[in-house]
Each structure stands twice: as C-alpha cells, then as structure tokens.
Amino acid sequence: MLVQMVLFDRFDPLDVVGPFEVLAAGGDAVAGVTAGGPAAEERAAAGALDVELVTAEGPREVVSGTRGLTLRATAKLRPDRPGYVVVPGASGPVSGDPDQGVQTIPVLLARFAESAAAPLMRTALDNPDVTVATVCGGSLALAMAGLIEGRHAVTHHLGMDVLEATGVHAVRARIVDDGDLISAGGVTSGLDLGLYLLEREFGPRIAHAVETLFEHERRGVVWRATGRTPIAV
C-alpha cells in the first residue's frame, strides 16, 4: 500500500512528519523490518506499506511555514495510484491583513486551492482506489478548492466556521471517517490519523505496536456517519 503525502510551499511540518513517522513505523511492523531488513521494493512486494513525500510539480525542496524548515519531495503526486493521499495544513500567522502582505494561514490554504495540486486532488477524490486524508488545515485547502462540498470533515478548531461556510458538514471530532475522505483536527491529530490508518488497513495489533513504540495514546472517538442518531438532552 502506498501513502503519498503532499507537500506545498509553507506547509505545516508537524502535519507531515507526525503521520509520516507513524506510517513508516507501521510499514516496518507489517514487513517485519529489522536492521538490514528488506528495501522498499521488497516491502511493496510483501504487501506492506510505503510512504513518500510528493508535490504537484515533482521532486523538489519544499520550504515549510515554520522557520524555513525544508523537506524534499521525491516524486510527483500520482492520483491514479491506489492507496492514500494525505494533505497537510499550512503554517503561518492566524491573523493579519493580507493587503499588507501578511501571508495568513487562510491565504496560504487558498493559494493551495488555486495551485496545480487542486486538479490532481480532484482526480484522487474521484478515484475509487484512493482514499484522501487530511491533517488540520488540509481539509480547508480541499474545501476552498470546492472539492469536498457536502462531505463530513474536521479541521483545526479555529477553522471550523470557515469549513462549514464552504458547504462541508463540519464535525467536531478528533478524526472524521467519511469513507474515502478521512480528516483529522489540530496539528497533533496527525499522529492519531496515522495510527487510525494503520488500524483501518492492517488491524489493531499493528496500530497498537506503533502506538506503544511512540508512547502515544490516541484520543477521541472516530466519527462516522453510521449508527443511531443521538437525542438532544
């Protein structure tokens, strides 16, 4: 299984690095990787998980929005490839006047929506073999591009009203599973997202092993549009 993590200029690094490490550890756990263990090609042949950093443009250095921290994408986003595509949020000021050149998070997310990544993400969302996942403001980036109207999703608590205004059913939960669209709330929820994807694909024992390794306990119920509707009291 392949997980493509989409980088864009001024992305939030924790949105990427958190789930990347969790998923990489999960892939190792599935394949039984030890020192000197199988390479990526052998892991793929064994049906394990591989995770890579991608951009809409292809391999390049991508500068995050946090103190210039830079990651290198090694491939181009391929929405035709089965698996998961993970979109992070942006890092920057939450307030300020864009007319005065302040690149706030909403400005950065809107820029993503107007970039070459948007049509690729539309293709990914239309592909039945792809599940799109988002961390923090990643759902807002898709919403601003008009890609998830009518879907259920969550974002950082500061952006929930904006998410709702785009026509998305905003749900206040740590993780929202809307089938082929899975979203996670604030920045640290990327760890929970990674663990949930491991459980979803490989079962609870793999997820628990990685959770134990990272000494991190997931929190909150994963919200799905199933089951009985609660009665307001």
C-alpha atoms as a PDB file:
ATOM      1  CA  MET A   1       0.000   0.000   0.000  1.00  0.00           C
ATOM      2  CA  LEU A   2       1.285   3.438  -0.926  1.00  0.00           C
ATOM      3  CA  VAL A   3       0.730   6.633   1.047  1.00  0.00           C
ATOM      4  CA  GLN A   4       1.535   9.843  -0.824  1.00  0.00           C
ATOM      5  CA  MET A   5       1.996  12.850   1.448  1.00  0.00           C
ATOM      6  CA  VAL A   6       1.507  16.103  -0.451  1.00  0.00           C
ATOM      7  CA  LEU A   7       3.909  18.961   0.260  1.00  0.00           C
ATOM      8  CA  PHE A   8       3.281  22.531  -0.820  1.00  0.00           C
ATOM      9  CA  ASP A   9       5.002  25.823  -0.064  1.00  0.00           C
ATOM     10  CA  ARG A  10       4.504  26.904   3.570  1.00  0.00           C
ATOM     11  CA  PHE A  11       3.058  23.552   4.684  1.00  0.00           C
ATOM     12  CA  ASP A  12       2.959  22.762   8.397  1.00  0.00           C
ATOM     13  CA  PRO A  13       5.849  20.355   9.096  1.00  0.00           C
ATOM     14  CA  LEU A  14       4.258  18.567  12.063  1.00  0.00           C
ATOM     15  CA  ASP A  15       1.207  17.792   9.921  1.00  0.00           C
ATOM     16  CA  VAL A  16       3.590  15.848   7.699  1.00  0.00           C
ATOM     17  CA  VAL A  17       6.307  14.462   9.956  1.00  0.00           C
ATOM     18  CA  GLY A  18       3.907  13.115  12.617  1.00  0.00           C
ATOM     19  CA  PRO A  19       1.871  10.805  10.377  1.00  0.00           C
ATOM     20  CA  PHE A  20       4.908  10.084   8.180  1.00  0.00           C
ATOM     21  CA  GLU A  21       6.817   8.568  11.097  1.00  0.00           C
ATOM     22  CA  VAL A  22       3.793   6.660  12.372  1.00  0.00           C
ATOM     23  CA  LEU A  23       3.058   5.204   8.949  1.00  0.00           C
ATOM     24  CA  ALA A  24       6.710   4.400   8.277  1.00  0.00           C
ATOM     25  CA  ALA A  25       6.914   2.532  11.586  1.00  0.00           C
ATOM     26  CA  GLY A  26       3.696   0.729  10.711  1.00  0.00           C
ATOM     27  CA  GLY A  27       5.118  -0.321   7.373  1.00  0.00           C
ATOM     28  CA  ASP A  28       8.169  -1.694   9.136  1.00  0.00           C
ATOM     29  CA  ALA A  29       5.961  -3.559  11.608  1.00  0.00           C
ATOM     30  CA  VAL A  30       3.924  -5.140   8.822  1.00  0.00           C
ATOM     31  CA  ALA A  31       7.003  -6.240   6.888  1.00  0.00           C
ATOM     32  CA  GLY A  32       8.971  -7.300   9.951  1.00  0.00           C
ATOM     33  CA  VAL A  33      11.772  -4.873   9.155  1.00  0.00           C
ATOM     34  CA  THR A  34      14.905  -5.066  11.287  1.00  0.00           C
ATOM     35  CA  ALA A  35      18.389  -3.687  10.830  1.00  0.00           C
ATOM     36  CA  GLY A  36      19.453  -4.713   7.376  1.00  0.00           C
ATOM     37  CA  GLY A  37      15.870  -5.692   6.538  1.00  0.00           C
ATOM     38  CA  PRO A  38      14.075  -5.521   3.182  1.00  0.00           C
ATOM     39  CA  ALA A  39      14.276  -2.497   0.936  1.00  0.00           C
ATOM     40  CA  ALA A  40      11.254  -0.505  -0.208  1.00  0.00           C
ATOM     41  CA  GLU A  41      10.795  -2.696  -3.300  1.00  0.00           C
ATOM     42  CA  GLU A  42      10.779  -5.860  -1.194  1.00  0.00           C
ATOM     43  CA  ARG A  43       8.359  -4.305   1.288  1.00  0.00           C
ATOM     44  CA  ALA A  44       5.982  -3.447  -1.548  1.00  0.00           C
ATOM     45  CA  ALA A  45       6.225  -6.981  -2.912  1.00  0.00           C
ATOM     46  CA  ALA A  46       5.346  -8.287   0.544  1.00  0.00           C
ATOM     47  CA  GLY A  47       2.159  -6.213   0.567  1.00  0.00           C
ATOM     48  CA  ALA A  48       3.481  -3.798   3.164  1.00  0.00           C
ATOM     49  CA  LEU A  49       3.077  -0.049   3.435  1.00  0.00           C
ATOM     50  CA  ASP A  50       5.342   2.510   1.839  1.00  0.00           C
ATOM     51  CA  VAL A  51       5.107   6.265   2.370  1.00  0.00           C
ATOM     52  CA  GLU A  52       6.629   9.025   0.273  1.00  0.00           C
ATOM     53  CA  LEU A  53       6.670  12.814   0.057  1.00  0.00           C
ATOM     54  CA  VAL A  54       5.280  14.238  -3.178  1.00  0.00           C
ATOM     55  CA  THR A  55       4.346  17.556  -4.782  1.00  0.00           C
ATOM     56  CA  ALA A  56       2.162  18.528  -7.712  1.00  0.00           C
ATOM     57  CA  GLU A  57       5.294  19.598  -9.598  1.00  0.00           C
ATOM     58  CA  GLY A  58       7.519  16.604  -8.864  1.00  0.00           C
ATOM     59  CA  PRO A  59      10.721  16.156  -6.846  1.00  0.00           C
ATOM     60  CA  ARG A  60      11.887  19.389  -5.234  1.00  0.00           C
ATOM     61  CA  GLU A  61      12.832  21.074  -1.984  1.00  0.00           C
ATOM     62  CA  VAL A  62       9.751  22.433  -0.241  1.00  0.00           C
ATOM     63  CA  VAL A  63      10.029  25.138   2.418  1.00  0.00           C
ATOM     64  CA  SER A  64       7.565  24.861   5.278  1.00  0.00           C
ATOM     65  CA  GLY A  65       5.922  27.782   7.028  1.00  0.00           C
ATOM     66  CA  THR A  66       7.819  27.129  10.265  1.00  0.00           C
ATOM     67  CA  ARG A  67      11.223  28.832  10.467  1.00  0.00           C
ATOM     68  CA  GLY A  68      12.152  27.743   6.954  1.00  0.00           C
ATOM     69  CA  LEU A  69      12.271  24.044   7.809  1.00  0.00           C
ATOM     70  CA  THR A  70      12.643  22.271   4.472  1.00  0.00           C
ATOM     71  CA  LEU A  71      11.724  18.773   3.321  1.00  0.00           C
ATOM     72  CA  ARG A  72      12.494  17.169  -0.016  1.00  0.00           C
ATOM     73  CA  ALA A  73       9.696  15.631  -2.040  1.00  0.00           C
ATOM     74  CA  THR A  74      10.975  12.649  -4.012  1.00  0.00           C
ATOM     75  CA  ALA A  75       8.161  12.148  -6.504  1.00  0.00           C
ATOM     76  CA  LYS A  76       5.229  13.757  -8.284  1.00  0.00           C
ATOM     77  CA  LEU A  77       1.724  13.293  -6.926  1.00  0.00           C
ATOM     78  CA  ARG A  78       0.084  10.467  -8.839  1.00  0.00           C
ATOM     79  CA  PRO A  79      -3.672  10.401  -8.157  1.00  0.00           C
ATOM     80  CA  ASP A  80      -4.030   7.295 -10.329  1.00  0.00           C
ATOM     81  CA  ARG A  81      -2.006   5.164  -7.905  1.00  0.00           C
ATOM     82  CA  PRO A  82      -4.108   3.147  -5.406  1.00  0.00           C
ATOM     83  CA  GLY A  83      -3.667   3.883  -1.723  1.00  0.00           C
ATOM     84  CA  TYR A  84      -3.847   7.040   0.357  1.00  0.00           C
ATOM     85  CA  VAL A  85      -3.123  10.678  -0.414  1.00  0.00           C
ATOM     86  CA  VAL A  86      -2.541  12.825   2.688  1.00  0.00           C
ATOM     87  CA  VAL A  87      -2.859  16.615   2.573  1.00  0.00           C
ATOM     88  CA  PRO A  88      -1.411  18.678   5.469  1.00  0.00           C
ATOM     89  CA  GLY A  89      -2.339  22.188   6.527  1.00  0.00           C
ATOM     90  CA  ALA A  90      -0.269  25.350   6.353  1.00  0.00           C
ATOM     91  CA  SER A  91       1.887  27.106   8.932  1.00  0.00           C
ATOM     92  CA  GLY A  92       1.785  30.863   9.363  1.00  0.00           C
ATOM     93  CA  PRO A  93       0.094  33.692  11.252  1.00  0.00           C
ATOM     94  CA  VAL A  94      -3.584  33.218  12.044  1.00  0.00           C
ATOM     95  CA  SER A  95      -4.340  36.926  11.833  1.00  0.00           C
ATOM     96  CA  GLY A  96      -3.118  39.950   9.891  1.00  0.00           C
ATOM     97  CA  ASP A  97      -4.011  41.991   6.837  1.00  0.00           C
ATOM     98  CA  PRO A  98      -3.321  40.174   3.551  1.00  0.00           C
ATOM     99  CA  ASP A  99      -3.493  43.567   1.795  1.00  0.00           C
ATOM    100  CA  GLN A 100      -0.385  44.486   3.755  1.00  0.00           C
ATOM    101  CA  GLY A 101       1.428  41.347   2.636  1.00  0.00           C
ATOM    102  CA  VAL A 102       0.673  39.169   5.675  1.00  0.00           C
ATOM    103  CA  GLN A 103       0.505  35.569   4.480  1.00  0.00           C
ATOM    104  CA  THR A 104      -2.013  34.201   6.941  1.00  0.00           C
ATOM    105  CA  ILE A 105      -2.964  30.542   7.045  1.00  0.00           C
ATOM    106  CA  PRO A 106      -6.234  31.188   5.149  1.00  0.00           C
ATOM    107  CA  VAL A 107      -4.247  32.934   2.403  1.00  0.00           C
ATOM    108  CA  LEU A 108      -1.824  30.007   2.170  1.00  0.00           C
ATOM    109  CA  LEU A 109      -4.636  27.448   2.031  1.00  0.00           C
ATOM    110  CA  ALA A 110      -6.447  29.451  -0.644  1.00  0.00           C
ATOM    111  CA  ARG A 111      -3.209  29.503  -2.624  1.00  0.00           C
ATOM    112  CA  PHE A 112      -3.094  25.701  -2.451  1.00  0.00           C
ATOM    113  CA  ALA A 113      -6.661  25.626  -3.774  1.00  0.00           C
ATOM    114  CA  GLU A 114      -5.544  27.637  -6.809  1.00  0.00           C
ATOM    115  CA  SER A 115      -2.388  25.620  -7.420  1.00  0.00           C
ATOM    116  CA  ALA A 116      -1.609  22.679  -9.686  1.00  0.00           C
ATOM    117  CA  ALA A 117      -2.347  20.403  -6.735  1.00  0.00           C
ATOM    118  CA  ALA A 118      -6.097  21.117  -6.813  1.00  0.00           C
ATOM    119  CA  PRO A 119      -6.963  19.306 -10.081  1.00  0.00           C
ATOM    120  CA  LEU A 120      -4.770  16.388  -9.042  1.00  0.00           C
ATOM    121  CA  MET A 121      -6.654  16.169  -5.753  1.00  0.00           C
ATOM    122  CA  ARG A 122      -9.954  16.224  -7.647  1.00  0.00           C
ATOM    123  CA  THR A 123      -8.731  13.224  -9.626  1.00  0.00           C
ATOM    124  CA  ALA A 124      -7.675  11.497  -6.420  1.00  0.00           C
ATOM    125  CA  LEU A 125     -11.094  12.070  -4.858  1.00  0.00           C
ATOM    126  CA  ASP A 126     -12.759  10.678  -7.991  1.00  0.00           C
ATOM    127  CA  ASN A 127     -10.565   7.559  -7.965  1.00  0.00           C
ATOM    128  CA  PRO A 128     -12.335   4.675  -6.171  1.00  0.00           C
ATOM    129  CA  ASP A 129      -8.946   3.121  -5.377  1.00  0.00           C
ATOM    130  CA  VAL A 130      -7.745   6.201  -3.473  1.00  0.00           C
ATOM    131  CA  THR A 131      -8.640   7.419  -0.003  1.00  0.00           C
ATOM    132  CA  VAL A 132      -7.816  11.059   0.676  1.00  0.00           C
ATOM    133  CA  ALA A 133      -6.828  12.015   4.216  1.00  0.00           C
ATOM    134  CA  THR A 134      -6.159  15.453   5.671  1.00  0.00           C
ATOM    135  CA  VAL A 135      -4.483  16.868   8.749  1.00  0.00           C
ATOM    136  CA  CYS A 136      -5.515  20.147  10.366  1.00  0.00           C
ATOM    137  CA  GLY A 137      -5.995  22.777   7.630  1.00  0.00           C
ATOM    138  CA  GLY A 138      -5.658  20.217   4.857  1.00  0.00           C
ATOM    139  CA  SER A 139      -9.427  19.774   4.785  1.00  0.00           C
ATOM    140  CA  LEU A 140      -9.825  23.546   4.457  1.00  0.00           C
ATOM    141  CA  ALA A 141      -7.457  23.545   1.467  1.00  0.00           C
ATOM    142  CA  LEU A 142      -9.677  20.992  -0.262  1.00  0.00           C
ATOM    143  CA  ALA A 143     -12.839  22.811   0.797  1.00  0.00           C
ATOM    144  CA  MET A 144     -11.589  26.145  -0.556  1.00  0.00           C
ATOM    145  CA  ALA A 145     -10.974  24.402  -3.864  1.00  0.00           C
ATOM    146  CA  GLY A 146     -14.601  23.240  -3.886  1.00  0.00           C
ATOM    147  CA  LEU A 147     -13.586  19.581  -3.712  1.00  0.00           C
ATOM    148  CA  ILE A 148     -15.436  18.290  -0.639  1.00  0.00           C
ATOM    149  CA  GLU A 149     -18.734  20.170  -0.566  1.00  0.00           C
ATOM    150  CA  GLY A 150     -21.418  18.096   1.141  1.00  0.00           C
ATOM    151  CA  ARG A 151     -18.881  15.801   2.806  1.00  0.00           C
ATOM    152  CA  HIS A 152     -18.229  15.364   6.537  1.00  0.00           C
ATOM    153  CA  ALA A 153     -14.871  16.631   7.782  1.00  0.00           C
ATOM    154  CA  VAL A 154     -12.992  18.315  10.608  1.00  0.00           C
ATOM    155  CA  THR A 155     -10.186  20.851  10.748  1.00  0.00           C
ATOM    156  CA  HIS A 156      -8.390  22.908  13.400  1.00  0.00           C
ATOM    157  CA  HIS A 157     -10.912  24.393  15.821  1.00  0.00           C
ATOM    158  CA  LEU A 158     -10.117  27.918  14.612  1.00  0.00           C
ATOM    159  CA  GLY A 159     -11.205  26.992  11.093  1.00  0.00           C
ATOM    160  CA  MET A 160     -14.430  25.093  11.775  1.00  0.00           C
ATOM    161  CA  ASP A 161     -16.702  28.029  10.896  1.00  0.00           C
ATOM    162  CA  VAL A 162     -14.857  28.584   7.618  1.00  0.00           C
ATOM    163  CA  LEU A 163     -15.096  24.866   6.821  1.00  0.00           C
ATOM    164  CA  GLU A 164     -18.853  24.962   7.429  1.00  0.00           C
ATOM    165  CA  ALA A 165     -19.173  28.067   5.231  1.00  0.00           C
ATOM    166  CA  THR A 166     -17.723  26.186   2.252  1.00  0.00           C
ATOM    167  CA  GLY A 167     -20.620  23.715   2.333  1.00  0.00           C
ATOM    168  CA  VAL A 168     -18.835  20.988   4.278  1.00  0.00           C
ATOM    169  CA  HIS A 169     -20.598  19.290   7.196  1.00  0.00           C
ATOM    170  CA  ALA A 170     -18.103  20.248   9.917  1.00  0.00           C
ATOM    171  CA  VAL A 171     -17.925  17.667  12.705  1.00  0.00           C
ATOM    172  CA  ARG A 172     -16.139  18.416  15.967  1.00  0.00           C
ATOM    173  CA  ALA A 173     -14.207  15.187  16.411  1.00  0.00           C
ATOM    174  CA  ARG A 174     -10.576  14.182  16.561  1.00  0.00           C
ATOM    175  CA  ILE A 175     -10.920  12.020  13.447  1.00  0.00           C
ATOM    176  CA  VAL A 176     -13.805  12.016  10.940  1.00  0.00           C
ATOM    177  CA  ASP A 177     -14.111   8.992   8.641  1.00  0.00           C
ATOM    178  CA  ASP A 178     -16.335   9.819   5.664  1.00  0.00           C
ATOM    179  CA  GLY A 179     -15.442   6.763   3.630  1.00  0.00           C
ATOM    180  CA  ASP A 180     -12.860   7.754   1.042  1.00  0.00           C
ATOM    181  CA  LEU A 181     -12.260  11.053   2.871  1.00  0.00           C
ATOM    182  CA  ILE A 182     -10.689  10.957   6.328  1.00  0.00           C
ATOM    183  CA  SER A 183      -9.833  14.143   8.181  1.00  0.00           C
ATOM    184  CA  ALA A 184      -8.050  14.913  11.431  1.00  0.00           C
ATOM    185  CA  GLY A 185      -8.397  18.022  13.605  1.00  0.00           C
ATOM    186  CA  GLY A 186      -5.498  20.035  15.014  1.00  0.00           C
ATOM    187  CA  VAL A 187      -1.799  19.639  14.321  1.00  0.00           C
ATOM    188  CA  THR A 188      -1.041  16.782  16.736  1.00  0.00           C
ATOM    189  CA  SER A 189      -4.002  14.793  15.425  1.00  0.00           C
ATOM    190  CA  GLY A 190      -1.746  13.717  12.575  1.00  0.00           C
ATOM    191  CA  LEU A 191      -0.336  11.106  14.954  1.00  0.00           C
ATOM    192  CA  ASP A 192      -3.847   9.805  15.618  1.00  0.00           C
ATOM    193  CA  LEU A 193      -4.599   9.838  11.896  1.00  0.00           C
ATOM    194  CA  GLY A 194      -1.543   7.710  11.155  1.00  0.00           C
ATOM    195  CA  LEU A 195      -2.499   5.188  13.834  1.00  0.00           C
ATOM    196  CA  TYR A 196      -6.088   5.064  12.608  1.00  0.00           C
ATOM    197  CA  LEU A 197      -4.972   4.397   9.038  1.00  0.00           C
ATOM    198  CA  LEU A 198      -2.778   1.557  10.291  1.00  0.00           C
ATOM    199  CA  GLU A 199      -5.688   0.036  12.197  1.00  0.00           C
ATOM    200  CA  ARG A 200      -8.005   0.528   9.222  1.00  0.00           C
ATOM    201  CA  GLU A 201      -5.645  -1.266   6.844  1.00  0.00           C
ATOM    202  CA  PHE A 202      -3.766  -3.787   8.968  1.00  0.00           C
ATOM    203  CA  GLY A 203      -5.767  -4.218  12.174  1.00  0.00           C
ATOM    204  CA  PRO A 204      -5.427  -3.151  15.804  1.00  0.00           C
ATOM    205  CA  ARG A 205      -2.320  -5.163  16.659  1.00  0.00           C
ATOM    206  CA  ILE A 206      -0.144  -3.276  14.168  1.00  0.00           C
ATOM    207  CA  ALA A 207      -1.592   0.051  15.310  1.00  0.00           C
ATOM    208  CA  HIS A 208      -1.100  -0.867  18.964  1.00  0.00           C
ATOM    209  CA  ALA A 209       2.513  -1.892  18.371  1.00  0.00           C
ATOM    210  CA  VAL A 210       3.295   1.503  16.810  1.00  0.00           C
ATOM    211  CA  GLU A 211       1.290   3.324  19.482  1.00  0.00           C
ATOM    212  CA  THR A 212       3.395   1.567  22.122  1.00  0.00           C
ATOM    213  CA  LEU A 213       6.630   2.338  20.289  1.00  0.00           C
ATOM    214  CA  PHE A 214       5.775   6.035  20.092  1.00  0.00           C
ATOM    215  CA  GLU A 215       4.361   6.134  23.655  1.00  0.00           C
ATOM    216  CA  HIS A 216       1.346   7.984  22.307  1.00  0.00           C
ATOM    217  CA  GLU A 217      -2.271   7.178  23.132  1.00  0.00           C
ATOM    218  CA  ARG A 218      -4.940   8.064  20.602  1.00  0.00           C
ATOM    219  CA  ARG A 219      -7.846  10.067  21.954  1.00  0.00           C
ATOM    220  CA  GLY A 220     -11.425  10.634  20.946  1.00  0.00           C
ATOM    221  CA  VAL A 221     -13.939   8.505  19.064  1.00  0.00           C
ATOM    222  CA  VAL A 222     -13.531   8.220  15.299  1.00  0.00           C
ATOM    223  CA  TRP A 223     -16.731   9.813  13.960  1.00  0.00           C
ATOM    224  CA  ARG A 224     -18.598   8.058  11.159  1.00  0.00           C
ATOM    225  CA  ALA A 225     -21.996   8.801   9.664  1.00  0.00           C
ATOM    226  CA  THR A 226     -23.370   5.475  10.906  1.00  0.00           C
ATOM    227  CA  GLY A 227     -25.373   4.162  13.829  1.00  0.00           C
ATOM    228  CA  ARG A 228     -28.216   5.691  15.763  1.00  0.00           C
ATOM    229  CA  THR A 229     -28.696   9.445  15.909  1.00  0.00           C
ATOM    230  CA  PRO A 230     -28.342  10.800  19.453  1.00  0.00           C
ATOM    231  CA  ILE A 231     -31.311  12.539  21.024  1.00  0.00           C
ATOM    232  CA  ALA A 232     -30.570  16.068  22.239  1.00  0.00           C
ATOM    233  CA  VAL A 233     -30.997  16.436  26.013  1.00  0.00           C
END
